[in-house]
Structures are given as structure tokens and as C-alpha cells.
Amino acid sequence: MELVIRGDKIQVTEAMSDYLKDKLQRLDKYLSDSNSVRATVVVKIKDRRQKVEVTVPLQMFILRAEEEQEDFYAAVDTLIDKLERQIRKNKTRLAKQNTHSAPEFVFEEEEDDEKPEVVVKRKKISVKPMSEEEAIIQMELLGHQFYLYKDAETNQPTLVYKRKDGGYGLIEAE
């Protein structure tokens, strides 16, 4: 796996880089062709906390995780565990997708202690035309983390969501 490591307000030392490379090699066992995969790692510092973000774009989807802790090495360890958990948790979905294309993942037979995820609730809603501001107010009134609405200007389905930093994000359909 090829790594692109970048520091944001922090100089990534050789020891940090080596540690990241060593830990990310654990993911190679899940990839059938790990040489063609390019992972991007961003290390940020905020106050005394260090945040590590890893993005691994694959053919059919993107693996992404982030972790923030005071200790860089602990953050990397937790982050790798998250990525492995993502892969193991979704291995049946990934295997189904890979029947339609060249396989990207190699899975060993193992005891699966996690229950398979199934859709437990379906809900139909009427999507009303409104502005961004109205959608944010509706989301806050409902106490939800996201809200789906139809943009009054473009008449397209749009999703507004609350970000971890307290701001709001917007996802617009094309």
C-alpha cells in the first residue's frame, strides 16, 4: 500500500511515519492487490490533542476513519482497529459487491462474533421545499443529527447535517 502522509500544523517525524506504515500494513491482508492502493493520512494538532485521519479510496467505495487523542501512537492504534472493524463488519456486503467486479478483498474464514446488520425500520417521509435555514431549524426542533428536504431554489433533494465541530454540512443531489 502506498502512503501519502501529511501534517497539518505539525511536522510528521520519521518515527511517526514509520509507525503509521507499520500499522497500516495490517490492512494489506484484506486487500487482494495492495500495491495499487494509495492511502492518505493527515495528522493534525489542536491544543494538546492529535488527530489522525486515514482515507483509503478503493474501486467500489472508500474506507475512512479518524481518531483524536492526546497520544499520537494511541490514536493510530485505535484508528487501525476502527478500519479493520469496518472491513470485517461489512465483509458480506463487500463480498456480494465483488461478485459483480474484480475482487478487492480477501477474507479468511473466521468466527464472526458480530451480528449481521439488517434494516430494522423503514420510513417514508414527504420532502417539502424549503430553504437551508428552515431545514436547520426543523432539524434542531426535531433533535436530529440530519434532515432531508427539497431545496426551494433547485427543487433537488438535499440533506443538512450537524458536524462534530458544531457547524452544519450540506449534501446536495445531482
Protein backbone atom coordinates (compact mmCIF):
# COMPACT_ATOMS: atom_id res chain seq x y z
CA MET A 1 0.00 0.00 0.00
CA GLU A 2 1.34 3.39 -0.96
CA LEU A 3 1.05 6.02 1.77
CA VAL A 4 0.78 9.77 1.45
CA ILE A 5 1.40 11.24 4.90
CA ARG A 6 0.81 14.92 5.55
CA GLY A 7 0.96 17.03 8.69
CA ASP A 8 -1.37 19.93 9.36
CA LYS A 9 0.21 22.33 11.89
CA ILE A 10 2.60 19.54 12.86
CA GLN A 11 5.82 18.15 11.43
CA VAL A 12 5.43 14.40 10.87
CA THR A 13 8.66 12.83 12.09
CA GLU A 14 10.29 9.79 10.59
CA ALA A 15 9.35 7.76 13.69
CA MET A 16 5.69 8.77 13.29
CA SER A 17 5.80 7.94 9.59
CA ASP A 18 7.40 4.53 10.23
CA TYR A 19 4.81 3.74 12.90
CA LEU A 20 1.96 4.63 10.52
CA LYS A 21 3.44 2.49 7.74
CA ASP A 22 3.92 -0.44 10.09
CA LYS A 23 0.38 -0.27 11.43
CA LEU A 24 -1.30 0.29 8.06
CA GLN A 25 0.39 -2.85 6.73
CA ARG A 26 -2.13 -4.76 8.86
CA LEU A 27 -4.75 -3.82 6.25
CA ASP A 28 -2.75 -5.43 3.43
CA LYS A 29 -4.02 -8.88 4.42
CA TYR A 30 -7.56 -7.78 3.49
CA LEU A 31 -6.59 -6.34 0.09
CA SER A 32 -6.05 -8.63 -2.88
CA ASP A 33 -3.85 -6.08 -4.70
CA SER A 34 -2.46 -3.80 -2.02
CA ASN A 35 0.25 -2.38 -4.31
CA SER A 36 -2.33 -0.44 -6.34
CA VAL A 37 -3.94 1.12 -3.24
CA ARG A 38 -2.97 4.63 -2.18
CA ALA A 39 -3.88 5.68 1.35
CA THR A 40 -3.87 9.29 2.50
CA VAL A 41 -3.02 10.06 6.12
CA VAL A 42 -3.43 13.50 7.66
CA VAL A 43 -2.05 14.25 11.12
CA LYS A 44 -3.43 17.39 12.78
CA ILE A 45 -2.78 19.00 16.12
CA LYS A 46 -5.28 21.02 18.09
CA ASP A 47 -4.31 22.22 21.54
CA ARG A 48 -2.68 19.14 23.06
CA ARG A 49 -4.74 16.62 21.11
CA GLN A 50 -3.54 14.94 17.96
CA LYS A 51 -5.98 13.88 15.29
CA VAL A 52 -5.16 11.23 12.71
CA GLU A 53 -7.35 10.78 9.62
CA VAL A 54 -6.92 7.91 7.14
CA THR A 55 -8.68 7.69 3.78
CA VAL A 56 -8.27 4.63 1.57
CA PRO A 57 -10.11 5.03 -1.76
CA LEU A 58 -10.88 1.66 -3.31
CA GLN A 59 -12.58 0.76 -6.55
CA MET A 60 -16.12 0.38 -5.19
CA PHE A 61 -16.03 2.50 -2.02
CA ILE A 62 -13.88 4.50 0.39
CA LEU A 63 -12.56 3.34 3.76
CA ARG A 64 -12.22 6.28 6.13
CA ALA A 65 -11.62 6.71 9.83
CA GLU A 66 -10.37 9.38 12.19
CA GLU A 67 -9.25 9.38 15.79
CA GLU A 68 -8.30 12.17 18.17
CA GLN A 69 -6.30 11.60 21.36
CA GLU A 70 -3.50 13.23 23.32
CA ASP A 71 -1.07 10.46 22.35
CA PHE A 72 -0.35 10.07 18.62
CA TYR A 73 0.54 6.38 18.88
CA ALA A 74 -2.63 5.51 20.81
CA ALA A 75 -4.67 7.39 18.20
CA VAL A 76 -3.06 5.36 15.40
CA ASP A 77 -3.71 2.07 17.21
CA THR A 78 -7.38 2.92 17.74
CA LEU A 79 -7.70 4.14 14.16
CA ILE A 80 -6.35 0.90 12.68
CA ASP A 81 -8.74 -1.09 14.86
CA LYS A 82 -11.61 1.04 13.51
CA LEU A 83 -10.59 0.40 9.89
CA GLU A 84 -10.28 -3.35 10.48
CA ARG A 85 -13.65 -3.37 12.21
CA GLN A 86 -15.19 -1.56 9.21
CA ILE A 87 -13.83 -4.17 6.84
CA ARG A 88 -14.87 -7.16 8.99
CA LYS A 89 -18.29 -5.70 9.72
CA ASN A 90 -19.07 -5.16 6.06
CA LYS A 91 -17.35 -8.23 4.62
CA THR A 92 -20.58 -9.90 3.48
CA ARG A 93 -21.71 -6.75 1.70
CA LEU A 94 -18.30 -6.37 0.14
CA ALA A 95 -18.24 -10.00 -0.99
CA LYS A 96 -21.64 -9.53 -2.70
CA GLN A 97 -20.42 -6.39 -4.47
CA ASN A 98 -17.24 -8.13 -5.56
CA THR A 99 -19.19 -10.81 -7.46
CA HIS A 100 -20.02 -8.11 -10.00
CA SER A 101 -16.44 -6.90 -10.41
CA ALA A 102 -12.86 -7.90 -9.75
CA PRO A 103 -12.42 -8.81 -6.07
CA GLU A 104 -10.67 -6.22 -3.92
CA PHE A 105 -10.79 -8.01 -0.60
CA VAL A 106 -9.55 -11.35 0.59
CA PHE A 107 -11.33 -12.73 3.64
CA GLU A 108 -10.23 -15.64 5.73
CA GLU A 109 -12.87 -17.84 7.30
CA GLU A 110 -13.17 -16.79 10.90
CA GLU A 111 -15.62 -16.85 13.73
CA ASP A 112 -17.97 -13.93 13.26
CA ASP A 113 -19.00 -12.72 16.69
CA GLU A 114 -20.84 -9.71 15.32
CA LYS A 115 -24.45 -10.00 14.23
CA PRO A 116 -25.13 -9.14 10.59
CA GLU A 117 -26.69 -5.75 10.11
CA VAL A 118 -30.18 -5.66 8.70
CA VAL A 119 -32.57 -2.81 8.12
CA VAL A 120 -34.85 -2.83 11.15
CA LYS A 121 -37.01 0.15 10.25
CA ARG A 122 -38.17 1.79 7.06
CA LYS A 123 -39.81 5.15 6.99
CA LYS A 124 -41.38 7.20 4.21
CA ILE A 125 -41.44 10.94 4.54
CA SER A 126 -42.80 13.75 2.45
CA VAL A 127 -39.95 16.01 1.41
CA LYS A 128 -41.09 19.62 1.46
CA PRO A 129 -39.48 22.52 -0.41
CA MET A 130 -37.70 24.91 1.97
CA SER A 131 -34.56 26.97 2.41
CA GLU A 132 -31.37 25.87 4.19
CA GLU A 133 -32.22 27.98 7.21
CA GLU A 134 -35.70 26.45 7.53
CA ALA A 135 -34.23 22.94 7.26
CA ILE A 136 -31.70 23.67 10.03
CA ILE A 137 -34.47 24.98 12.27
CA GLN A 138 -36.59 21.86 11.57
CA MET A 139 -33.63 19.60 12.32
CA GLU A 140 -32.96 21.38 15.61
CA LEU A 141 -36.64 21.29 16.59
CA LEU A 142 -36.75 17.53 15.97
CA GLY A 143 -33.46 16.99 17.79
CA HIS A 144 -31.99 15.05 14.85
CA GLN A 145 -28.42 14.99 13.53
CA PHE A 146 -29.61 15.35 9.91
CA TYR A 147 -32.66 16.48 7.94
CA LEU A 148 -33.73 15.69 4.38
CA TYR A 149 -35.61 18.36 2.45
CA LYS A 150 -36.20 19.65 -1.08
CA ASP A 151 -34.24 22.82 -1.85
CA ALA A 152 -36.72 25.56 -2.75
CA GLU A 153 -34.38 27.07 -5.38
CA THR A 154 -33.10 23.96 -7.17
CA ASN A 155 -36.00 21.59 -6.37
CA GLN A 156 -33.40 18.86 -5.63
CA PRO A 157 -33.29 16.56 -2.59
CA THR A 158 -30.80 17.99 -0.09
CA LEU A 159 -29.51 16.77 3.26
CA VAL A 160 -28.37 19.09 6.02
CA TYR A 161 -26.41 17.56 8.91
CA LYS A 162 -24.76 18.62 12.14
CA ARG A 163 -20.96 18.37 12.11
CA LYS A 164 -18.78 17.33 15.05
CA ASP A 165 -17.30 20.83 15.21
CA GLY A 166 -20.76 22.31 15.83
CA GLY A 167 -21.28 23.65 12.31
CA TYR A 168 -23.58 22.32 9.62
CA GLY A 169 -22.92 20.43 6.42
CA LEU A 170 -24.98 20.16 3.27
CA ILE A 171 -25.21 17.30 0.79
CA GLU A 172 -26.91 18.11 -2.50
CA ALA A 173 -28.09 15.55 -5.05
CA GLU A 174 -27.05 15.99 -8.67
